[in-house]
Structures are given as structure tokens and as C-alpha cells.
């Protein structure tokens, strides 16, 4: 068994957990370790180095090489609604530059990790190093920062990630020649026995088909809900536009009636009023003239 440091998302502190670490013996006699990261609540992961290279301790035994701490986490936690990691928040006291979410896993790998995947135990004494990494990761670049470690070159780390992904699937069923695997006890291979192919999971196809059916139903439900929402929104928009059109028609009608009643009709009736006034004046003038003429004729006679 291998000791790793588990950072659960729903607990306030990390803890040491033991996970099965299978060891395959390659044709050249080298060991390659395999960890099932999916069993530790990390289905698809990215692994980043934590701190510098560490020299082997006296208790590591002869032939031990350099090691480095690594932190594995879900590489999609920022977009898949993963719950915030309480353990990381507690260790960083809320000062982390990255909003860590989902489960996190700390482990120790032998270097150079890009050539072969081999792991060693992690202890609670490594927690401060992980806390420092969780706090500083994602911080703005600074000119005073130390020069990068050549061992952390992105291309090399990418190769390492691919090796870890391959290692997390245990032993390839089609590998030739058949490999031997044993149990990891923290120092090396304790016991080995002939590799046995995994048992065939007969219910896997049914589970996958059931999962596909559930996904289709969920997709249909989402589509129906979105259609209902859009239809309600469209109905609301149509009702508002109809009400606005009716108010516009009413205002325009009232404006036209007022203009006709109080502007156009008075203007049309103005010539008649002027003609009547002129006629009255002319009639009065004629009557005055006749009166004066009759008066003059009476005086002459």
C-alpha cells in the first residue's frame, strides 16, 4: 500500500490515506508503479510539482534517488461546478490565488519522473510544503522570483502527465509479454506473482447504456424547459408590443380629432365669417348713402 495525502473537499484538513499501488516489472527489470487515481475521487487529473527536488533520507536505503512532491487535481474543476475544497481553504487561510475545488491528492514521485512512474510514501510532515504551494499557485508573476527549475520544463511535465494518465489505468490487458506485479510497501516490491487479467464486467455495457439513456432524458428535459421558457418570454414580448401599438393608435386618433375640431374647422369657417362682416358693412354704407341722398333732395325742393 502507498501513503498519499488526501485533501477532501468537505473536510477542514488533509489526511493520510492508503491506496493500492501495483508494480509492474518491465522486461529490463525496472519497476513501474500504477495508482488508480479515479478511486480517490479524481477522475481526470493534472499533476503539478510541489517544491524543489529532495535528496534521499538515510532511512531510504541504498540506491534511493531524488524525489519530489506532486499535487494531483481535477483539471476541469473551474468549469464543472466542483465544490470548493475546504481543506485547501483552511491550510491557506483563505489567501490562495487559486479557487481550489474538488478533491486534491498529494503524492511523492521519484525523479526523473518523466522516464518512469515510481512513487514513495507521503507523511503529515509534508503538509507545510503543500500549504505553501496551494497559497502561492496562480500568484501574479514577479521579477524577483527565482529562476525556474529546468526539471519543470512544460514539455517534460506534459510527458510526465501522460505517463501518469497511462499509469492510472493499471496494466494494459494486451501488454506483451505478460508482466508481473506486486504490492508496494513504501520501499519497493515486496512480493510478486503472475499477472492475472481483470475480471470481465458483464454489467458494464448495461450501466453505460443506462447512463446514455439518462443523459438523453436529461437533455430532452433541458430542451423542453428551455423551449417553455422561450415561449413564455416570447408571449410576454408580443403582449407588450400589442399594448404599445394600441396606445399609439389611441394617441394618434385623439391627436387627429383634436386637430380637426379645434384647428382645421375654425380655419375653414374663417372666410364665411369675413364675407358676412363685409356684407353687413356694405349694407350699412348703402343705407347711409340713401338716407343722405333723400335728405338732400328734401332740402332742394
Protein backbone atom coordinates (compact mmCIF):
# COMPACT_ATOMS: atom_id res chain seq x y z
CA UNK A 1 0.00 0.00 0.00
CA UNK A 2 1.09 3.58 -0.69
CA UNK A 3 0.51 6.52 1.65
CA UNK A 4 -0.81 9.63 -0.11
CA UNK A 5 -2.12 12.93 1.27
CA UNK A 6 -5.82 13.33 0.56
CA UNK A 7 -7.47 16.77 0.59
CA UNK A 8 -11.24 16.08 0.72
CA UNK A 9 -13.48 18.92 -0.42
CA UNK A 10 -15.88 18.52 2.51
CA UNK A 11 -13.39 18.34 5.39
CA UNK A 12 -11.30 21.03 7.04
CA UNK A 13 -7.92 19.27 6.97
CA UNK A 14 -6.00 16.78 4.80
CA UNK A 15 -5.33 13.25 5.96
CA UNK A 16 -3.11 10.34 5.06
CA UNK A 17 -4.89 7.59 3.17
CA UNK A 18 -3.57 4.32 1.83
CA UNK A 19 -4.19 3.33 -1.76
CA UNK A 20 -3.21 0.28 -3.73
CA UNK A 21 -0.07 0.77 -5.77
CA UNK A 22 0.60 -2.01 -8.22
CA UNK A 23 4.09 -2.56 -9.55
CA UNK A 24 4.81 -4.00 -12.94
CA UNK A 25 8.21 -5.45 -13.77
CA UNK A 26 9.36 -4.31 -17.18
CA UNK A 27 11.45 -6.61 -19.40
CA UNK A 28 14.62 -4.73 -18.43
CA UNK A 29 13.96 -5.36 -14.72
CA UNK A 30 12.84 -1.80 -13.91
CA UNK A 31 9.77 -1.18 -11.77
CA UNK A 32 6.79 0.86 -12.90
CA UNK A 33 4.15 1.82 -10.35
CA UNK A 34 0.44 2.15 -11.06
CA UNK A 35 -2.12 4.10 -8.98
CA UNK A 36 -5.83 4.22 -9.74
CA UNK A 37 -6.46 7.95 -9.25
CA UNK A 38 -10.15 7.57 -10.12
CA UNK A 39 -10.66 5.58 -6.88
CA UNK A 40 -9.54 8.70 -4.98
CA UNK A 41 -12.35 10.90 -6.38
CA UNK A 42 -10.09 12.38 -9.08
CA UNK A 43 -11.44 11.05 -12.41
CA UNK A 44 -9.38 13.19 -14.82
CA UNK A 45 -6.38 14.90 -13.33
CA UNK A 46 -3.50 17.28 -13.84
CA UNK A 47 -0.38 16.90 -11.72
CA UNK A 48 1.86 19.80 -10.73
CA UNK A 49 5.22 19.67 -8.88
CA UNK A 50 5.31 20.97 -5.31
CA UNK A 51 8.62 22.39 -4.17
CA UNK A 52 12.17 21.53 -5.22
CA UNK A 53 13.91 18.20 -5.59
CA UNK A 54 14.57 16.41 -2.30
CA UNK A 55 17.60 14.29 -1.57
CA UNK A 56 17.06 10.76 -0.24
CA UNK A 57 16.99 10.34 3.52
CA UNK A 58 19.38 7.92 5.29
CA UNK A 59 16.45 5.60 6.01
CA UNK A 60 15.59 5.34 2.33
CA UNK A 61 18.17 2.66 1.82
CA UNK A 62 20.93 2.20 -0.76
CA UNK A 63 20.20 3.16 -4.33
CA UNK A 64 17.46 5.63 -3.43
CA UNK A 65 17.30 8.68 -5.69
CA UNK A 66 15.85 12.15 -5.57
CA UNK A 67 12.12 12.65 -5.07
CA UNK A 68 9.63 15.47 -5.47
CA UNK A 69 6.16 16.16 -4.10
CA UNK A 70 3.29 16.48 -6.59
CA UNK A 71 -0.31 17.65 -6.30
CA UNK A 72 -2.96 15.95 -8.43
CA UNK A 73 -6.34 17.59 -9.00
CA UNK A 74 -9.25 17.61 -11.42
CA UNK A 75 -8.11 19.67 -14.41
CA UNK A 76 -11.69 20.84 -15.10
CA UNK A 77 -12.72 21.92 -11.59
CA UNK A 78 -13.13 25.55 -12.76
CA UNK A 79 -15.89 24.66 -15.25
CA UNK A 80 -17.61 21.53 -13.89
CA UNK A 81 -19.18 23.06 -10.75
CA UNK A 82 -16.86 21.17 -8.40
CA UNK A 83 -17.45 22.07 -4.73
CA UNK A 84 -14.82 24.33 -3.08
CA UNK A 85 -12.10 22.45 -1.23
CA UNK A 86 -12.43 23.26 2.49
CA UNK A 87 -9.11 21.63 3.38
CA UNK A 88 -7.20 23.85 0.96
CA UNK A 89 -9.03 26.93 2.18
CA UNK A 90 -8.19 26.08 5.79
CA UNK A 91 -4.49 25.48 5.05
CA UNK A 92 -4.16 28.73 3.05
CA UNK A 93 -6.35 30.72 5.48
CA UNK A 94 -8.33 31.97 2.53
CA UNK A 95 -5.29 33.66 0.91
CA UNK A 96 -4.89 31.30 -2.04
CA UNK A 97 -4.63 32.83 -5.50
CA UNK A 98 -6.48 29.84 -6.98
CA UNK A 99 -10.03 28.88 -6.02
CA UNK A 100 -9.23 25.20 -5.39
CA UNK A 101 -12.23 22.92 -5.85
CA UNK A 102 -12.91 19.23 -5.88
CA UNK A 103 -10.71 16.61 -4.26
CA UNK A 104 -6.92 17.11 -4.20
CA UNK A 105 -4.23 14.45 -3.81
CA UNK A 106 -0.62 14.87 -2.74
CA UNK A 107 1.95 12.20 -3.54
CA UNK A 108 5.71 11.77 -3.86
CA UNK A 109 7.37 10.60 -7.08
CA UNK A 110 10.92 9.51 -7.74
CA UNK A 111 12.92 11.61 -10.16
CA UNK A 112 13.36 11.81 -13.04
CA UNK A 113 9.61 11.19 -13.18
CA UNK A 114 9.49 11.69 -16.95
CA UNK A 115 11.30 8.40 -17.64
CA UNK A 116 9.28 6.06 -15.40
CA UNK A 117 6.48 6.40 -12.86
CA UNK A 118 7.61 5.40 -9.35
CA UNK A 119 6.12 6.62 -6.07
CA UNK A 120 7.04 6.84 -2.39
CA UNK A 121 5.07 7.48 0.78
CA UNK A 122 3.91 10.92 1.86
CA UNK A 123 3.65 11.91 5.55
CA UNK A 124 1.98 14.69 7.51
CA UNK A 125 5.40 16.37 7.69
CA UNK A 126 4.89 17.28 4.01
CA UNK A 127 1.71 19.30 4.72
CA UNK A 128 3.57 22.69 5.03
CA UNK A 129 5.04 22.26 1.54
CA UNK A 130 1.58 21.58 0.10
CA UNK A 131 0.12 24.51 2.04
CA UNK A 132 2.75 26.85 0.58
CA UNK A 133 2.06 25.59 -2.93
CA UNK A 134 -1.73 25.94 -2.55
CA UNK A 135 -1.24 29.51 -1.34
CA UNK A 136 1.23 30.70 -3.99
CA UNK A 137 -0.01 28.84 -7.09
CA UNK A 138 -1.60 31.27 -9.53
CA UNK A 139 0.06 34.35 -7.99
CA UNK A 140 1.00 37.19 -10.40
CA UNK A 141 4.44 36.86 -11.96
CA UNK A 142 7.21 38.70 -10.11
CA UNK A 143 10.61 39.79 -11.34
CA UNK A 144 12.12 38.76 -8.01
CA UNK A 145 11.03 35.17 -8.38
CA UNK A 146 13.82 32.62 -8.60
CA UNK A 147 14.79 31.15 -11.94
CA UNK A 148 12.63 28.16 -12.94
CA UNK A 149 13.89 24.68 -12.32
CA UNK A 150 14.95 23.09 -15.65
CA UNK A 151 13.31 19.87 -14.46
CA UNK A 152 9.95 21.65 -14.56
CA UNK A 153 10.06 22.41 -18.28
CA UNK A 154 6.45 22.36 -19.63
CA UNK A 155 7.29 19.85 -22.35
CA UNK A 156 8.84 17.45 -19.83
CA UNK A 157 5.96 17.93 -17.41
CA UNK A 158 3.48 17.24 -20.22
CA UNK A 159 5.25 13.96 -20.90
CA UNK A 160 5.10 13.17 -17.19
CA UNK A 161 1.35 13.85 -17.09
CA UNK A 162 0.78 11.50 -19.99
CA UNK A 163 2.79 8.78 -18.21
CA UNK A 164 0.72 9.29 -15.07
CA UNK A 165 -2.52 9.02 -17.04
CA UNK A 166 -1.28 5.79 -18.58
CA UNK A 167 -0.16 4.52 -15.17
CA UNK A 168 -3.53 5.30 -13.58
CA UNK A 169 -5.19 2.65 -15.75
CA UNK A 170 -3.07 -0.13 -14.17
CA UNK A 171 -1.68 -2.76 -16.52
CA UNK A 172 -2.67 -2.94 -20.16
CA UNK A 173 -4.67 -6.09 -20.84
CA UNK A 174 -2.96 -6.54 -24.23
CA UNK A 175 0.61 -5.98 -22.99
CA UNK A 176 3.15 -8.46 -24.39
CA UNK A 177 4.97 -10.14 -22.83
CA UNK A 178 2.83 -10.56 -19.69
CA UNK A 179 4.20 -8.54 -16.78
CA UNK A 180 4.48 -9.42 -13.13
CA UNK A 181 3.01 -7.10 -10.48
CA UNK A 182 3.28 -6.93 -6.74
CA UNK A 183 2.28 -4.87 -3.72
CA UNK A 184 4.10 -1.63 -2.89
CA UNK A 185 5.21 -1.36 0.74
CA UNK A 186 6.80 2.12 0.66
CA UNK A 187 10.31 0.98 -0.23
CA UNK A 188 9.98 -1.34 -3.20
CA UNK A 189 8.50 -4.55 -4.47
CA UNK A 190 7.58 -6.78 -1.57
CA UNK A 191 6.05 -9.75 -3.36
CA UNK A 192 5.36 -10.54 -6.99
CA UNK A 193 3.13 -13.01 -8.67
CA UNK A 194 1.96 -13.72 -12.18
CA UNK A 195 -0.23 -11.05 -13.61
CA UNK A 196 -3.89 -12.00 -13.87
CA UNK A 197 -6.22 -10.36 -16.36
CA UNK A 198 -9.03 -8.36 -14.74
CA UNK A 199 -12.43 -9.95 -14.48
CA UNK A 200 -14.84 -9.04 -17.24
CA UNK A 201 -17.55 -6.71 -16.00
CA UNK A 202 -20.67 -8.06 -17.70
CA UNK A 203 -22.87 -5.29 -16.34
CA UNK A 204 -20.64 -2.51 -17.69
CA UNK A 205 -22.44 -2.36 -21.05
CA UNK A 206 -25.81 -2.22 -19.31
CA UNK A 207 -24.60 0.56 -17.00
CA UNK A 208 -23.20 2.53 -19.92
CA UNK A 209 -26.46 2.11 -21.84
CA UNK A 210 -28.42 3.18 -18.77
CA UNK A 211 -26.16 6.19 -18.39
CA UNK A 212 -26.68 7.12 -22.04
CA UNK A 213 -30.45 6.80 -21.59
CA UNK A 214 -30.36 9.05 -18.54
CA UNK A 215 -28.24 11.59 -20.40
CA UNK A 216 -30.72 11.61 -23.29
CA UNK A 217 -33.63 12.11 -20.88
CA UNK A 218 -31.81 14.90 -19.10
CA UNK A 219 -31.02 16.54 -22.44
CA UNK A 220 -34.65 16.31 -23.51
CA UNK A 221 -35.79 17.78 -20.20
CA UNK A 222 -33.37 20.67 -20.58
CA UNK A 223 -34.55 21.30 -24.15
CA UNK A 224 -38.23 21.25 -23.11
CA UNK A 225 -37.59 23.59 -20.18
CA UNK A 226 -35.69 25.97 -22.44
CA UNK A 227 -38.48 25.86 -25.03
CA UNK A 228 -41.13 26.63 -22.39
CA UNK A 229 -39.04 29.50 -21.07
CA UNK A 230 -38.53 30.96 -24.54
CA UNK A 231 -42.23 30.59 -25.37
CA UNK A 232 -43.25 32.40 -22.19
CA UNK A 233 -40.71 35.12 -22.89
CA UNK A 234 -41.97 35.48 -26.48
CA UNK A 235 -45.61 35.67 -25.32
CA UNK A 236 -44.68 38.43 -22.88
CA UNK A 237 -42.87 40.37 -25.61
CA UNK A 238 -45.86 40.03 -28.02
CA UNK A 239 -48.31 41.21 -25.34
CA UNK A 240 -46.14 44.24 -24.57
CA UNK A 241 -45.82 45.13 -28.25
CA UNK A 242 -49.60 44.80 -28.84
CA UNK A 243 -50.35 47.04 -25.84
CA UNK A 244 -47.83 49.59 -27.07
CA UNK A 245 -49.42 49.56 -30.56
CA UNK A 246 -52.93 50.06 -29.15
CA UNK A 247 -51.77 53.02 -27.04
CA UNK A 248 -50.05 54.51 -30.09
CA UNK A 249 -53.25 54.19 -32.18
CA UNK A 250 -55.35 55.78 -29.40
CA UNK A 251 -52.98 58.73 -29.02
CA UNK A 252 -52.80 59.26 -32.78
CA UNK A 253 -56.63 59.17 -33.09
CA UNK A 254 -57.09 61.69 -30.29
CA UNK A 255 -54.49 63.96 -31.87
CA UNK A 256 -56.16 63.80 -35.30
CA UNK A 257 -59.64 64.56 -33.85
CA UNK A 258 -58.34 67.49 -31.80
CA UNK A 259 -56.54 68.95 -34.80
CA UNK A 260 -59.66 68.65 -36.99
CA UNK A 261 -62.04 70.03 -34.35
CA UNK A 262 -60.04 72.91 -32.98
CA UNK A 263 -57.71 73.87 -35.85
CA UNK A 264 -58.99 72.81 -39.28
CA UNK A 265 -62.70 73.63 -38.83
CA UNK A 266 -62.07 77.15 -37.45
CA UNK A 267 -59.73 77.85 -40.38
CA UNK A 268 -62.34 76.60 -42.89
CA UNK A 269 -65.09 78.73 -41.32
CA UNK A 270 -63.00 81.94 -41.33
CA UNK A 271 -63.76 83.03 -44.99
CA UNK A 272 -67.53 82.81 -44.36
CA UNK A 273 -67.25 84.96 -41.28
CA UNK A 274 -65.24 87.58 -43.19
CA UNK A 275 -67.76 87.61 -46.08
CA UNK A 276 -70.65 88.16 -43.67
CA UNK A 277 -68.89 91.05 -41.97
CA UNK A 278 -68.13 92.72 -45.33
CA UNK A 279 -71.73 92.28 -46.47
CA UNK A 280 -73.05 93.85 -43.27
CA UNK A 281 -70.71 96.84 -43.62
CA UNK A 282 -71.67 97.37 -47.28
CA UNK A 283 -75.40 97.21 -46.49
CA UNK A 284 -74.94 99.73 -43.70
CA UNK A 285 -72.98 102.03 -46.03
CA UNK A 286 -75.67 101.85 -48.74
CA UNK A 287 -78.40 102.62 -46.26
CA UNK A 288 -76.41 105.61 -45.06
CA UNK A 289 -75.91 106.85 -48.61
CA UNK A 290 -79.68 106.58 -49.41
CA UNK A 291 -80.52 108.43 -46.27
CA UNK A 292 -78.18 111.28 -47.11
CA UNK A 293 -79.48 111.43 -50.69
CA UNK A 294 -83.13 111.63 -49.59
CA UNK A 295 -82.23 114.33 -47.12
CA UNK A 296 -80.51 116.43 -49.78
CA UNK A 297 -83.44 116.10 -52.17
CA UNK A 298 -85.81 117.32 -49.48
CA UNK A 299 -83.71 120.39 -48.85
CA UNK A 300 -83.56 121.27 -52.57
CA UNK A 301 -87.27 121.01 -53.02
